[in-house]
N, C-alpha and C. Protein backbone atom coordinates (compact mmCIF):
# COMPACT_ATOMS: atom_id res chain seq x y z
N MET A 1 4.76 6.53 -19.30
CA MET A 1 5.29 7.88 -19.29
C MET A 1 6.19 8.02 -20.51
N PRO A 2 5.92 8.95 -21.40
CA PRO A 2 6.67 9.05 -22.65
C PRO A 2 8.17 9.26 -22.47
N ASP A 3 8.58 10.08 -21.50
CA ASP A 3 10.00 10.36 -21.33
C ASP A 3 10.73 9.23 -20.62
N GLY A 4 10.08 8.56 -19.70
CA GLY A 4 10.77 7.56 -18.88
C GLY A 4 9.82 6.51 -18.37
N ARG A 5 10.18 5.95 -17.22
CA ARG A 5 9.38 4.88 -16.64
C ARG A 5 8.26 5.43 -15.80
N ARG A 6 7.37 4.57 -15.44
CA ARG A 6 6.27 4.92 -14.55
C ARG A 6 6.81 5.06 -13.13
N PRO A 7 6.08 5.75 -12.27
CA PRO A 7 6.47 5.84 -10.86
C PRO A 7 6.61 4.44 -10.25
N LEU A 8 7.44 4.35 -9.21
CA LEU A 8 7.63 3.07 -8.52
C LEU A 8 6.37 2.64 -7.79
N GLY A 9 5.68 3.58 -7.19
CA GLY A 9 4.49 3.26 -6.40
C GLY A 9 4.89 2.62 -5.08
N ALA A 10 3.91 2.44 -4.22
CA ALA A 10 4.16 1.88 -2.89
C ALA A 10 4.78 0.48 -2.98
N GLU A 11 4.30 -0.34 -3.91
CA GLU A 11 4.83 -1.69 -4.04
C GLU A 11 6.28 -1.69 -4.50
N GLY A 12 6.61 -0.85 -5.47
CA GLY A 12 7.98 -0.77 -5.97
C GLY A 12 8.94 -0.26 -4.91
N MET A 13 8.48 0.72 -4.14
CA MET A 13 9.34 1.25 -3.07
C MET A 13 9.53 0.20 -1.98
N ALA A 14 8.48 -0.52 -1.64
CA ALA A 14 8.59 -1.58 -0.63
C ALA A 14 9.53 -2.68 -1.10
N ARG A 15 9.46 -3.03 -2.39
CA ARG A 15 10.36 -4.05 -2.96
C ARG A 15 11.81 -3.59 -2.85
N LEU A 16 12.05 -2.31 -3.08
CA LEU A 16 13.40 -1.77 -3.02
C LEU A 16 13.93 -1.74 -1.59
N ALA A 17 13.06 -1.41 -0.64
CA ALA A 17 13.48 -1.28 0.76
C ALA A 17 13.56 -2.62 1.49
N ALA A 18 12.83 -3.62 1.04
CA ALA A 18 12.71 -4.89 1.78
C ALA A 18 14.04 -5.52 2.17
N PRO A 19 15.02 -5.64 1.26
CA PRO A 19 16.27 -6.30 1.66
C PRO A 19 16.99 -5.57 2.80
N ALA A 20 16.89 -4.25 2.83
CA ALA A 20 17.53 -3.50 3.92
C ALA A 20 16.78 -3.72 5.23
N LEU A 21 15.47 -3.78 5.16
CA LEU A 21 14.68 -3.97 6.36
C LEU A 21 14.84 -5.38 6.93
N GLU A 22 15.24 -6.32 6.09
CA GLU A 22 15.49 -7.69 6.55
C GLU A 22 16.81 -7.81 7.30
N LEU A 23 17.57 -6.72 7.37
CA LEU A 23 18.86 -6.73 8.06
C LEU A 23 18.72 -7.15 9.52
N VAL A 24 17.64 -6.77 10.17
CA VAL A 24 17.46 -7.11 11.58
C VAL A 24 17.53 -8.62 11.76
N GLY A 25 16.82 -9.36 10.94
CA GLY A 25 16.84 -10.82 11.02
C GLY A 25 18.18 -11.41 10.64
N ARG A 26 18.82 -10.86 9.60
CA ARG A 26 20.13 -11.36 9.18
C ARG A 26 21.17 -11.14 10.28
N ALA A 27 21.16 -9.96 10.89
CA ALA A 27 22.15 -9.63 11.92
C ALA A 27 21.95 -10.49 13.16
N ALA A 28 20.69 -10.71 13.55
CA ALA A 28 20.41 -11.53 14.73
C ALA A 28 20.85 -12.97 14.49
N GLY A 29 20.68 -13.47 13.28
CA GLY A 29 21.07 -14.83 12.95
C GLY A 29 22.58 -15.01 12.89
N ALA A 30 23.31 -13.90 12.70
CA ALA A 30 24.76 -13.98 12.60
C ALA A 30 25.44 -13.89 13.96
N GLY A 31 24.66 -13.70 15.01
CA GLY A 31 25.22 -13.68 16.35
C GLY A 31 25.76 -12.33 16.79
N GLY A 32 25.68 -11.32 15.94
CA GLY A 32 26.16 -9.99 16.32
C GLY A 32 25.07 -9.21 17.02
N PRO A 33 25.37 -7.96 17.37
CA PRO A 33 24.33 -7.15 18.00
C PRO A 33 23.22 -6.86 16.99
N ALA A 34 22.01 -7.17 17.35
CA ALA A 34 20.88 -6.92 16.45
C ALA A 34 20.55 -5.44 16.44
N PRO A 35 20.25 -4.87 15.27
CA PRO A 35 19.86 -3.47 15.22
C PRO A 35 18.58 -3.22 16.02
N GLU A 36 18.54 -2.06 16.69
CA GLU A 36 17.31 -1.64 17.35
C GLU A 36 16.32 -1.12 16.32
N ALA A 37 16.86 -0.55 15.24
CA ALA A 37 15.99 0.01 14.21
C ALA A 37 16.74 0.07 12.88
N VAL A 38 15.99 -0.08 11.82
CA VAL A 38 16.50 0.13 10.47
C VAL A 38 15.49 1.01 9.77
N GLU A 39 16.00 2.09 9.19
CA GLU A 39 15.14 3.04 8.47
C GLU A 39 15.61 3.10 7.03
N VAL A 40 14.67 3.03 6.10
CA VAL A 40 15.00 3.16 4.69
C VAL A 40 14.12 4.26 4.10
N VAL A 41 14.75 5.27 3.52
CA VAL A 41 14.03 6.35 2.86
C VAL A 41 14.33 6.24 1.38
N VAL A 42 13.31 5.93 0.59
CA VAL A 42 13.45 5.76 -0.85
C VAL A 42 12.83 6.99 -1.53
N GLN A 43 13.56 7.52 -2.50
CA GLN A 43 13.06 8.66 -3.26
C GLN A 43 13.24 8.41 -4.75
N ARG A 44 12.27 8.88 -5.52
CA ARG A 44 12.37 8.84 -6.98
C ARG A 44 11.91 10.20 -7.50
N THR A 45 12.74 10.80 -8.32
CA THR A 45 12.39 12.07 -8.95
C THR A 45 12.54 11.89 -10.45
N ALA A 46 11.55 12.34 -11.19
CA ALA A 46 11.60 12.30 -12.65
C ALA A 46 11.14 13.66 -13.18
N GLU A 47 11.93 14.22 -14.09
CA GLU A 47 11.60 15.54 -14.62
C GLU A 47 11.87 15.62 -16.10
N GLY A 48 10.92 16.22 -16.82
CA GLY A 48 11.10 16.54 -18.22
C GLY A 48 11.20 18.04 -18.35
N LEU A 49 12.14 18.51 -19.14
CA LEU A 49 12.38 19.94 -19.28
C LEU A 49 12.52 20.28 -20.75
N THR A 50 11.82 21.33 -21.17
CA THR A 50 11.95 21.84 -22.53
C THR A 50 12.42 23.29 -22.43
N ARG A 51 13.58 23.56 -22.98
CA ARG A 51 14.14 24.92 -22.93
C ARG A 51 13.89 25.62 -24.26
N PHE A 52 13.70 26.93 -24.17
CA PHE A 52 13.54 27.72 -25.38
C PHE A 52 14.29 29.05 -25.21
N ALA A 53 14.81 29.54 -26.34
CA ALA A 53 15.52 30.83 -26.37
C ALA A 53 15.29 31.44 -27.74
N ASN A 54 15.36 32.77 -27.79
CA ASN A 54 15.10 33.48 -29.05
C ASN A 54 13.77 33.00 -29.65
N SER A 55 12.80 32.74 -28.78
CA SER A 55 11.45 32.32 -29.17
C SER A 55 11.43 31.01 -29.95
N GLU A 56 12.43 30.13 -29.71
CA GLU A 56 12.45 28.82 -30.35
C GLU A 56 12.88 27.76 -29.34
N VAL A 57 12.24 26.59 -29.42
CA VAL A 57 12.64 25.47 -28.58
C VAL A 57 14.00 24.98 -29.06
N HIS A 58 14.91 24.76 -28.13
CA HIS A 58 16.24 24.31 -28.53
C HIS A 58 16.74 23.09 -27.77
N GLN A 59 16.01 22.65 -26.71
CA GLN A 59 16.55 21.50 -25.97
C GLN A 59 15.45 20.81 -25.17
N HIS A 60 15.51 19.48 -25.18
CA HIS A 60 14.67 18.65 -24.31
C HIS A 60 15.61 17.85 -23.40
N VAL A 61 15.26 17.78 -22.13
CA VAL A 61 16.07 17.03 -21.17
C VAL A 61 15.15 16.16 -20.34
N TRP A 62 15.58 14.95 -20.07
CA TRP A 62 14.85 14.06 -19.17
C TRP A 62 15.82 13.55 -18.13
N THR A 63 15.45 13.66 -16.86
CA THR A 63 16.27 13.10 -15.79
C THR A 63 15.38 12.26 -14.88
N GLU A 64 15.95 11.18 -14.42
CA GLU A 64 15.26 10.33 -13.46
C GLU A 64 16.29 9.83 -12.47
N HIS A 65 15.95 9.91 -11.21
CA HIS A 65 16.91 9.53 -10.17
C HIS A 65 16.18 8.77 -9.07
N VAL A 66 16.71 7.61 -8.71
CA VAL A 66 16.18 6.82 -7.60
C VAL A 66 17.30 6.69 -6.58
N SER A 67 16.97 6.92 -5.31
CA SER A 67 17.97 6.80 -4.26
C SER A 67 17.33 6.20 -3.02
N ALA A 68 18.19 5.65 -2.18
CA ALA A 68 17.75 5.11 -0.89
C ALA A 68 18.78 5.50 0.15
N ALA A 69 18.29 5.96 1.29
CA ALA A 69 19.14 6.24 2.45
C ALA A 69 18.80 5.21 3.50
N VAL A 70 19.80 4.46 3.95
CA VAL A 70 19.59 3.41 4.93
C VAL A 70 20.29 3.80 6.23
N ARG A 71 19.51 3.84 7.31
CA ARG A 71 20.08 4.13 8.63
C ARG A 71 19.87 2.92 9.52
N VAL A 72 20.94 2.50 10.17
CA VAL A 72 20.90 1.37 11.10
C VAL A 72 21.26 1.91 12.47
N VAL A 73 20.44 1.59 13.47
CA VAL A 73 20.67 2.03 14.85
C VAL A 73 20.90 0.80 15.71
N LEU A 74 22.03 0.81 16.41
CA LEU A 74 22.39 -0.27 17.35
C LEU A 74 22.18 0.21 18.78
N PRO A 75 22.16 -0.72 19.73
CA PRO A 75 22.03 -0.32 21.13
C PRO A 75 23.08 0.73 21.51
N GLY A 76 22.69 1.63 22.39
CA GLY A 76 23.60 2.68 22.83
C GLY A 76 23.58 3.90 21.93
N GLY A 77 22.63 3.96 21.01
CA GLY A 77 22.54 5.11 20.13
C GLY A 77 23.59 5.17 19.05
N ARG A 78 24.21 4.02 18.76
CA ARG A 78 25.20 3.98 17.68
C ARG A 78 24.46 3.86 16.36
N ALA A 79 24.76 4.76 15.42
CA ALA A 79 24.03 4.77 14.16
C ALA A 79 24.99 4.92 12.99
N GLY A 80 24.61 4.32 11.88
CA GLY A 80 25.35 4.45 10.63
C GLY A 80 24.35 4.69 9.50
N VAL A 81 24.72 5.56 8.57
CA VAL A 81 23.85 5.89 7.44
C VAL A 81 24.64 5.74 6.15
N VAL A 82 24.03 5.11 5.16
CA VAL A 82 24.64 5.00 3.83
C VAL A 82 23.57 5.34 2.81
N ASN A 83 23.94 6.17 1.84
CA ASN A 83 23.06 6.54 0.74
C ASN A 83 23.52 5.84 -0.52
N VAL A 84 22.57 5.43 -1.33
CA VAL A 84 22.89 4.77 -2.59
C VAL A 84 21.95 5.30 -3.66
N SER A 85 22.50 5.53 -4.85
CA SER A 85 21.69 5.97 -5.99
C SER A 85 21.49 4.76 -6.90
N SER A 86 20.38 4.05 -6.67
CA SER A 86 20.14 2.83 -7.43
C SER A 86 18.69 2.40 -7.25
N ASP A 87 18.18 1.70 -8.25
CA ASP A 87 16.86 1.08 -8.11
C ASP A 87 16.99 -0.44 -8.03
N ASP A 88 18.16 -0.90 -7.59
CA ASP A 88 18.45 -2.32 -7.47
C ASP A 88 18.39 -2.72 -5.99
N PRO A 89 17.46 -3.61 -5.60
CA PRO A 89 17.37 -4.04 -4.20
C PRO A 89 18.68 -4.61 -3.65
N VAL A 90 19.49 -5.21 -4.50
CA VAL A 90 20.78 -5.76 -4.04
C VAL A 90 21.68 -4.62 -3.57
N GLU A 91 21.66 -3.50 -4.28
CA GLU A 91 22.47 -2.34 -3.87
C GLU A 91 21.97 -1.76 -2.56
N VAL A 92 20.65 -1.74 -2.36
CA VAL A 92 20.09 -1.23 -1.11
C VAL A 92 20.47 -2.16 0.04
N ALA A 93 20.46 -3.47 -0.19
CA ALA A 93 20.89 -4.42 0.84
C ALA A 93 22.36 -4.21 1.18
N ARG A 94 23.17 -3.95 0.17
CA ARG A 94 24.59 -3.68 0.40
C ARG A 94 24.75 -2.40 1.23
N ALA A 95 23.94 -1.38 0.95
CA ALA A 95 23.99 -0.15 1.73
C ALA A 95 23.62 -0.43 3.18
N ALA A 96 22.65 -1.31 3.41
CA ALA A 96 22.26 -1.67 4.79
C ALA A 96 23.41 -2.35 5.51
N ASP A 97 24.10 -3.26 4.83
CA ASP A 97 25.25 -3.94 5.44
C ASP A 97 26.34 -2.93 5.80
N GLU A 98 26.59 -1.98 4.91
CA GLU A 98 27.61 -0.97 5.17
C GLU A 98 27.19 -0.05 6.33
N ALA A 99 25.91 0.31 6.38
CA ALA A 99 25.42 1.15 7.48
C ALA A 99 25.53 0.40 8.80
N PHE A 100 25.29 -0.90 8.78
CA PHE A 100 25.43 -1.74 9.97
C PHE A 100 26.89 -1.74 10.44
N THR A 101 27.81 -1.89 9.50
CA THR A 101 29.23 -1.86 9.84
C THR A 101 29.61 -0.51 10.44
N LEU A 102 29.14 0.57 9.83
CA LEU A 102 29.45 1.90 10.35
C LEU A 102 28.88 2.08 11.76
N ALA A 103 27.66 1.59 11.98
CA ALA A 103 27.05 1.72 13.31
C ALA A 103 27.88 0.98 14.36
N ARG A 104 28.40 -0.18 14.01
CA ARG A 104 29.23 -0.94 14.96
C ARG A 104 30.52 -0.20 15.30
N LEU A 105 31.01 0.61 14.38
CA LEU A 105 32.26 1.36 14.58
C LEU A 105 32.04 2.71 15.27
N THR A 106 30.80 3.12 15.36
CA THR A 106 30.47 4.43 15.93
C THR A 106 30.41 4.35 17.45
N PRO A 107 30.96 5.36 18.13
CA PRO A 107 30.87 5.35 19.59
C PRO A 107 29.42 5.49 20.06
N GLU A 108 29.16 5.02 21.25
CA GLU A 108 27.81 5.15 21.81
C GLU A 108 27.45 6.62 21.96
N ASP A 109 26.16 6.91 21.82
CA ASP A 109 25.65 8.27 21.98
C ASP A 109 24.44 8.21 22.90
N PRO A 110 24.65 8.44 24.19
CA PRO A 110 23.54 8.33 25.13
C PRO A 110 22.47 9.41 24.93
N THR A 111 22.76 10.43 24.15
CA THR A 111 21.76 11.48 23.91
C THR A 111 20.91 11.21 22.66
N PHE A 112 21.24 10.13 21.93
CA PHE A 112 20.47 9.83 20.71
C PHE A 112 19.02 9.54 21.08
N PRO A 113 18.06 10.30 20.53
CA PRO A 113 16.66 10.13 20.93
C PRO A 113 15.96 8.94 20.27
N GLY A 114 16.61 8.30 19.34
CA GLY A 114 15.97 7.21 18.61
C GLY A 114 15.27 7.74 17.37
N LEU A 115 14.76 6.82 16.58
CA LEU A 115 14.05 7.21 15.37
C LEU A 115 12.62 7.57 15.70
N ALA A 116 12.02 8.36 14.85
CA ALA A 116 10.61 8.70 15.01
C ALA A 116 9.79 7.43 14.87
N PRO A 117 8.68 7.34 15.58
CA PRO A 117 7.85 6.13 15.45
C PRO A 117 7.20 6.08 14.07
N PRO A 118 6.84 4.88 13.64
CA PRO A 118 6.16 4.77 12.35
C PRO A 118 4.88 5.60 12.34
N ALA A 119 4.60 6.16 11.18
CA ALA A 119 3.39 6.97 11.02
C ALA A 119 2.73 6.59 9.70
N PRO A 120 1.42 6.79 9.63
CA PRO A 120 0.74 6.47 8.36
C PRO A 120 1.26 7.38 7.24
N VAL A 121 1.31 6.83 6.06
CA VAL A 121 1.76 7.57 4.89
C VAL A 121 0.54 7.93 4.06
N GLU A 122 0.41 9.22 3.80
CA GLU A 122 -0.70 9.66 2.97
C GLU A 122 -0.27 9.65 1.51
N THR A 123 -1.19 9.28 0.66
CA THR A 123 -0.92 9.26 -0.77
C THR A 123 -1.49 10.53 -1.38
N ALA A 124 -0.63 11.26 -2.07
CA ALA A 124 -1.06 12.48 -2.75
C ALA A 124 -1.68 12.10 -4.09
N PRO A 125 -2.63 12.90 -4.54
CA PRO A 125 -3.23 12.62 -5.84
C PRO A 125 -2.19 12.78 -6.96
N VAL A 126 -2.33 11.99 -7.99
CA VAL A 126 -1.41 12.04 -9.13
C VAL A 126 -2.17 12.57 -10.33
N ASP A 127 -1.59 13.54 -11.01
CA ASP A 127 -2.20 14.07 -12.23
C ASP A 127 -1.65 13.25 -13.41
N GLU A 128 -2.44 12.29 -13.83
CA GLU A 128 -2.00 11.38 -14.90
C GLU A 128 -1.67 12.13 -16.18
N ALA A 129 -2.37 13.23 -16.46
CA ALA A 129 -2.08 14.00 -17.66
C ALA A 129 -0.68 14.59 -17.62
N THR A 130 -0.25 15.03 -16.45
CA THR A 130 1.11 15.56 -16.31
C THR A 130 2.13 14.44 -16.51
N LEU A 131 1.87 13.27 -15.92
CA LEU A 131 2.78 12.15 -16.09
C LEU A 131 2.91 11.73 -17.56
N ALA A 132 1.86 11.94 -18.33
CA ALA A 132 1.84 11.48 -19.72
C ALA A 132 2.47 12.48 -20.69
N LEU A 133 2.84 13.68 -20.23
CA LEU A 133 3.38 14.68 -21.15
C LEU A 133 4.69 14.21 -21.78
N SER A 134 4.79 14.41 -23.07
CA SER A 134 5.98 14.05 -23.83
C SER A 134 6.72 15.33 -24.22
N PRO A 135 7.92 15.20 -24.79
CA PRO A 135 8.60 16.39 -25.30
C PRO A 135 7.74 17.14 -26.33
N ALA A 136 7.01 16.41 -27.16
CA ALA A 136 6.14 17.06 -28.15
C ALA A 136 5.03 17.85 -27.45
N ASP A 137 4.49 17.31 -26.36
CA ASP A 137 3.46 18.02 -25.61
C ASP A 137 4.01 19.31 -24.99
N ARG A 138 5.21 19.22 -24.43
CA ARG A 138 5.82 20.42 -23.86
C ARG A 138 6.13 21.44 -24.95
N THR A 139 6.57 20.97 -26.11
CA THR A 139 6.84 21.86 -27.24
C THR A 139 5.55 22.57 -27.66
N ALA A 140 4.44 21.86 -27.70
CA ALA A 140 3.16 22.47 -28.07
C ALA A 140 2.75 23.53 -27.05
N ALA A 141 2.97 23.27 -25.77
CA ALA A 141 2.64 24.25 -24.73
C ALA A 141 3.51 25.50 -24.88
N VAL A 142 4.79 25.31 -25.16
CA VAL A 142 5.69 26.45 -25.37
C VAL A 142 5.26 27.22 -26.62
N ALA A 143 4.87 26.52 -27.66
CA ALA A 143 4.41 27.20 -28.89
C ALA A 143 3.19 28.08 -28.61
N THR A 144 2.28 27.60 -27.76
CA THR A 144 1.11 28.39 -27.38
C THR A 144 1.55 29.66 -26.67
N LEU A 145 2.52 29.52 -25.77
CA LEU A 145 3.05 30.68 -25.07
C LEU A 145 3.73 31.64 -26.04
N LEU A 146 4.57 31.12 -26.90
CA LEU A 146 5.32 31.97 -27.83
C LEU A 146 4.41 32.70 -28.80
N ALA A 147 3.26 32.14 -29.10
CA ALA A 147 2.31 32.79 -29.99
C ALA A 147 1.78 34.09 -29.38
N GLN A 148 1.89 34.23 -28.06
CA GLN A 148 1.42 35.43 -27.37
C GLN A 148 2.49 36.53 -27.30
N VAL A 149 3.72 36.21 -27.70
CA VAL A 149 4.82 37.16 -27.62
C VAL A 149 4.79 38.06 -28.86
N PRO A 150 4.75 39.39 -28.65
CA PRO A 150 4.76 40.30 -29.82
C PRO A 150 6.00 40.08 -30.68
N GLN A 151 5.86 40.36 -31.99
CA GLN A 151 6.93 40.10 -32.96
C GLN A 151 8.24 40.79 -32.62
N ASP A 152 8.20 41.97 -32.02
CA ASP A 152 9.44 42.69 -31.75
C ASP A 152 10.08 42.30 -30.41
N TYR A 153 9.61 41.21 -29.82
CA TYR A 153 10.19 40.69 -28.58
C TYR A 153 10.66 39.26 -28.81
N SER A 154 11.58 38.85 -27.98
CA SER A 154 12.09 37.49 -28.04
C SER A 154 11.91 36.87 -26.65
N ALA A 155 11.44 35.64 -26.60
CA ALA A 155 11.20 34.98 -25.32
C ALA A 155 12.19 33.84 -25.11
N SER A 156 12.50 33.63 -23.84
CA SER A 156 13.32 32.48 -23.48
C SER A 156 12.86 31.99 -22.12
N GLY A 157 13.10 30.71 -21.87
CA GLY A 157 12.69 30.14 -20.59
C GLY A 157 12.69 28.64 -20.66
N ALA A 158 11.92 28.05 -19.76
CA ALA A 158 11.86 26.59 -19.68
C ALA A 158 10.47 26.17 -19.25
N TYR A 159 10.06 25.01 -19.73
CA TYR A 159 8.78 24.41 -19.35
C TYR A 159 9.13 23.05 -18.76
N GLN A 160 8.78 22.86 -17.49
CA GLN A 160 9.20 21.65 -16.78
C GLN A 160 8.01 20.92 -16.18
N THR A 161 8.06 19.61 -16.29
CA THR A 161 7.07 18.76 -15.64
C THR A 161 7.84 17.68 -14.87
N GLY A 162 7.20 17.13 -13.86
CA GLY A 162 7.89 16.10 -13.13
C GLY A 162 7.04 15.49 -12.03
N ASP A 163 7.60 14.48 -11.40
CA ASP A 163 6.95 13.88 -10.25
C ASP A 163 8.02 13.45 -9.25
N HIS A 164 7.57 13.37 -8.02
CA HIS A 164 8.48 13.00 -6.93
C HIS A 164 7.78 12.01 -6.02
N GLU A 165 8.47 10.95 -5.70
CA GLU A 165 7.95 9.95 -4.76
C GLU A 165 8.89 9.86 -3.58
N LEU A 166 8.31 9.72 -2.42
CA LEU A 166 9.10 9.58 -1.19
C LEU A 166 8.48 8.49 -0.36
C-alpha cells in the first residue's frame, strides 16, 4: 500500500488478540477466579485523503489506526473493559490484565446476559486497486474531475480512499 502498511488480515488480527485470549489460562493458573469469557475486538482503519481548493490540490493526509477493546467477564456478571490504541500484542495483553482487574472490582450484576455466542466471520471482498492508490493516483483522479469544471468556476473538496478491518 503506497501510503501505509498492508491490512492486518485474519492472521494479524489473531496474533494481536491471542495474548488477551490466553488470559483465561493465566488467571486459572494464578489461583484467582477464572474469567467466564474474554472478548477482544480488533479494528484497523487506514485512510488516504487528498484535499483541493480553488481548483488545486493543496494537501495529502494519511491516517492509520489500530485498536483493541478487551472485555473480561467474571462469574456473577462482573465485567471490565479496556481499550488500547496499539498494534503491539504486549499492549493488548496488558489491556486484558487491566480489564481483569476492573472486573474483579466491579459489583456482581445478576442481570448481565453474557456475551453473544461465537459466530462465523464473513470476509468482505477487497478492492486491491483501491488499496494500491497513492497520493499521485488521487491527485490524477482530482485532476480529471477539475478538468470538467468550467473556467469561471472554482472547485474544492476531498478525494478519500480507505479500508477498515474488524
